[in-house]
């Protein structure tokens, strides 16, 4: 199967291009990491396949409409954070 044909079939079946799908999955992985961990944005970005904190910021804003550090402050799920809220 050619790349072009794969892209057409994937888009028809999933409703988005392969690159958009991968970016969305990486944003969701970053979201989960930000909720449960204290790693720096560079570490989260690398772990999720986004490469750098700047790329993480762009992708996160595009998919969730908020900066990753603001999201972390709002949705952190660590037990220590619940006591201070």
Protein backbone atom coordinates (compact mmCIF):
# COMPACT_ATOMS: atom_id res chain seq x y z
CA UNK A 1 0.00 0.00 0.00
CA UNK A 2 1.41 3.38 -0.93
CA UNK A 3 1.71 6.18 1.60
CA UNK A 4 -0.84 8.24 -0.31
CA UNK A 5 -3.36 5.40 -0.39
CA UNK A 6 -2.78 4.62 3.29
CA UNK A 7 -3.44 8.26 4.16
CA UNK A 8 -6.70 8.24 2.20
CA UNK A 9 -7.91 4.98 3.77
CA UNK A 10 -6.86 6.01 7.29
CA UNK A 11 -8.58 9.39 6.96
CA UNK A 12 -11.76 7.77 5.66
CA UNK A 13 -11.85 5.24 8.51
CA UNK A 14 -10.66 7.38 11.44
CA UNK A 15 -11.85 10.79 10.34
CA UNK A 16 -8.48 12.51 10.56
CA UNK A 17 -5.10 12.25 8.91
CA UNK A 18 -2.46 9.96 10.41
CA UNK A 19 -0.34 12.93 11.50
CA UNK A 20 -3.30 14.60 13.26
CA UNK A 21 -4.14 11.32 14.95
CA UNK A 22 -0.57 10.85 16.22
CA UNK A 23 -0.44 14.46 17.44
CA UNK A 24 -3.73 14.00 19.32
CA UNK A 25 -2.52 10.79 20.96
CA UNK A 26 0.72 12.52 22.02
CA UNK A 27 -1.25 15.45 23.46
CA UNK A 28 -3.40 13.02 25.46
CA UNK A 29 -0.29 11.25 26.77
CA UNK A 30 1.19 14.60 27.78
CA UNK A 31 -2.08 15.55 29.47
CA UNK A 32 -2.00 12.38 31.57
CA UNK A 33 1.67 12.95 32.48
CA UNK A 34 0.97 16.53 33.53
CA UNK A 35 -1.92 15.44 35.74
CA UNK A 36 0.04 12.79 37.58
CA UNK A 37 3.69 13.86 37.59
CA UNK A 38 6.06 16.63 38.51
CA UNK A 39 8.52 16.29 35.61
CA UNK A 40 9.59 19.35 33.68
CA UNK A 41 7.88 20.17 30.41
CA UNK A 42 11.02 19.07 28.54
CA UNK A 43 10.83 15.62 30.15
CA UNK A 44 7.09 15.30 29.47
CA UNK A 45 7.59 16.40 25.85
CA UNK A 46 10.39 13.91 25.27
CA UNK A 47 8.46 11.07 26.90
CA UNK A 48 5.43 11.76 24.70
CA UNK A 49 7.41 12.05 21.47
CA UNK A 50 7.05 15.80 21.07
CA UNK A 51 10.74 16.62 21.28
CA UNK A 52 10.79 19.92 23.15
CA UNK A 53 8.79 21.98 25.63
CA UNK A 54 8.05 24.52 22.90
CA UNK A 55 6.50 21.84 20.66
CA UNK A 56 4.54 20.56 23.67
CA UNK A 57 3.20 24.08 24.28
CA UNK A 58 2.08 24.50 20.67
CA UNK A 59 0.45 21.07 20.45
CA UNK A 60 -1.19 21.41 23.86
CA UNK A 61 -2.63 24.81 23.03
CA UNK A 62 -3.87 23.58 19.64
CA UNK A 63 -5.69 20.57 21.15
CA UNK A 64 -6.73 21.78 24.60
CA UNK A 65 -6.68 25.56 24.29
CA UNK A 66 -4.49 26.08 27.35
CA UNK A 67 -0.77 26.12 28.15
CA UNK A 68 0.60 22.90 29.68
CA UNK A 69 1.76 24.54 32.91
CA UNK A 70 -1.67 26.16 33.41
CA UNK A 71 -3.31 22.79 32.75
CA UNK A 72 -1.04 21.13 35.31
CA UNK A 73 -1.93 23.69 37.97
CA UNK A 74 -5.64 23.26 37.30
CA UNK A 75 -5.86 19.48 36.99
CA UNK A 76 -3.06 17.99 39.07
CA UNK A 77 -4.19 14.78 40.79
CA UNK A 78 -1.39 14.14 43.27
CA UNK A 79 -2.56 13.59 46.89
CA UNK A 80 -0.28 16.39 48.13
CA UNK A 81 -2.01 18.89 45.85
CA UNK A 82 -5.49 17.95 47.07
CA UNK A 83 -4.62 18.91 50.65
CA UNK A 84 -3.52 22.41 49.66
CA UNK A 85 -6.59 23.05 47.48
